[in-house]
Amino acid sequence: MQIVITHLTRMAPGYFCAAGIDLETGRQVRPVMPPWSWKDPRLCSKYLQGQSGFFDMGVIVDLGKTVPVPRSPEVEDTAFDPEQARLCGVMTKFDLYKLIKSHAKDSLTDIFGDALIKQGRASYVVQRNTGSASLGFLRLNKTPVKLSVLKGLNETKIRLLFKYGEGWLNFSVTDIHLYASDCTTPDDALVQRTADALRRAVFREGAVLGVGLTRLFAESPDAKAVHWLQVNNLHFNGNPVWRMGERKKTEQDINNTKVVSMQNAVCHAERSEASRLESRGRDSSLCSE
């Protein structure tokens, strides 16, 4: 099975979640660790591009032998062996954006069905063992949006507030590209630049949110565990698809620039010292004459 990665999100430190579109059938697929060999279905960060793996937004991956392991609402879960998966290619940013837009829907109900229910004033959830989807794409057109970093006492999160219907929604954003290389700390400067670009894009040509449901989670010990709706990724014109490899390349470029600058400084110092000694030698010769 070959899929193109269209969702890439951070999870707990050391883990990430990836999902994509089956190039043959067009259905959504979430690769997970085999349940018969691991208790935890999450993928280790070592499989990410920029570390020792190749999972990245827009890459085409041959998953090798797969076994569907659906369980409502996570019907997309498909077990595979990440050590047997291989990289087949990379889709261009704009081809991938075109593909994502072709799968986008105008409402959350169109994606998740009637199992999606309102929780409070600005959130949605799906109850345990219900629902027929846990992934999708939502179109945003000409609606107010605000992307920001919310700093709490114990955790710092990225949130997206946007107008939806007659009300407002406030979702957690787990787009791995908006976090530092530790995949845990929000990149404040990048979030601000993205917020400005997203706001402009939504009112010009529109944008697409990659949305998904969390694994079962309870807000408190007394609360019932449910699947919370979140924003997995942001896609819009200008830079419609971000890749982990680009962050790594940028870091390497910065480090290389620092190295080159240091080397230039050393060379300049060496040349200056050589010139000084040479001049001193000429002065000594003149004195001896």
Foldseek 3Di string as FASTA:
>chain_A
DKWFWAFWFFDPQQWIWIWGADPVPRDIATEFADVVVDVGRTDGPCQAPLHVHDDKHQWMKDQPDWAQDAFPPARRYIYGDSVPMDTDGGDDLVVSQVSQVVFEDADPCVAWNPQWDDDPQAWIWGFGRDTHYFKGKHWFAQWDKAWAWDDDPPAIFIWMWIDDDPGIHIATEGAQVQAPPSSGHGPHVVRVVVRVVQRVQRHPVIWMFIKGWDDFDAPDPPGGTTTIIHTRDIAGPPRRGDIPNVVSVVVVVVVVVVVVVVVVVVVVVVVVVVVVVVVVVVVVVVVVD
